[in-house]
Protein backbone atom coordinates (compact mmCIF):
# COMPACT_ATOMS: atom_id res chain seq x y z
CA MET A 1 103.49 64.93 57.67
CA ALA A 2 104.62 68.49 56.94
CA ARG A 3 100.99 69.73 57.13
CA ALA A 4 100.56 68.12 60.43
CA THR A 5 103.55 69.70 61.82
CA GLN A 6 102.58 73.17 60.40
CA ALA A 7 99.23 72.95 61.75
CA SER A 8 100.59 71.96 65.07
CA ASP A 9 102.99 74.80 64.96
CA THR A 10 100.22 77.39 64.09
CA TRP A 11 98.06 75.86 67.03
CA PHE A 12 100.97 76.43 69.48
CA GLN A 13 101.69 79.99 68.27
CA ASN A 14 98.08 80.83 68.50
CA THR A 15 97.72 79.32 72.00
CA ALA A 16 100.87 81.13 73.19
CA ALA A 17 99.74 84.42 71.64
CA LYS A 18 96.29 84.16 73.49
CA GLN A 19 98.12 83.32 76.77
CA ILE A 20 100.20 86.33 76.30
CA ARG A 21 97.22 88.54 75.72
CA ASP A 22 95.52 87.03 78.65
CA ASP A 23 98.51 87.81 81.00
CA GLU A 24 98.63 91.40 79.76
CA LEU A 25 94.88 91.89 80.40
CA ARG A 26 95.17 90.44 83.95
CA ARG A 27 98.28 92.93 84.54
CA ALA A 28 96.26 95.77 83.30
CA GLU A 29 93.21 94.95 85.23
CA ARG A 30 95.21 94.46 88.32
CA LEU A 31 96.93 97.84 87.91
CA ASN A 32 93.71 99.58 87.33
CA GLY A 33 92.20 98.18 90.32
CA ARG A 34 95.04 99.38 92.38
CA ILE A 35 94.90 102.92 90.87
CA ALA A 36 91.10 103.04 91.66
CA MET A 37 91.67 101.88 95.22
CA LEU A 38 94.31 104.52 95.65
CA GLY A 39 92.15 107.22 94.18
CA PHE A 40 89.21 106.18 96.51
CA THR A 41 91.35 106.15 99.61
CA ILE A 42 92.76 109.69 98.66
CA GLY A 43 89.19 110.79 98.40
CA LEU A 44 88.46 109.46 101.64
CA ILE A 45 91.41 111.22 103.33
CA VAL A 46 90.51 114.51 101.76
CA GLU A 47 86.88 114.03 102.91
CA ALA A 48 88.21 113.59 106.39
CA PHE A 49 90.08 116.62 106.41
CA SER A 50 87.80 118.91 104.33
CA GLY A 51 84.24 117.68 105.18
CA ASP A 52 83.45 117.36 101.43
CA ALA A 53 82.01 114.07 100.40
CA ILE A 54 83.54 112.16 97.52
CA LEU A 55 80.81 112.88 94.97
CA GLN A 56 81.09 116.67 95.85
CA GLN A 57 84.71 116.42 95.30
CA ILE A 58 83.97 115.04 91.91
CA ALA A 59 81.48 117.55 91.23
CA ASP A 60 83.73 120.43 92.14
CA LEU A 61 86.52 119.01 90.00
CA ALA A 62 84.03 118.59 87.03
CA LEU A 63 83.12 122.42 87.45
CA LEU A 64 86.70 123.47 87.73
CA ALA A 65 87.52 121.68 84.62
CA GLN A 66 84.65 123.53 82.73
CA GLY A 67 86.28 126.86 83.78
């Protein structure tokens, strides 16, 4: 009986840990998506004011980072 209870407890612990990891992954992916949308929106706003396309902005940033 003790083995069955121990196996059952282990299964529940493993299942709970997997659910927690899945929830953390969903939360991280949601945050990542929101930040990406924010960055894209900022890029569009800068494009509207400066006339530089988003890809040009990225290229300029890469050149600036190189020095």
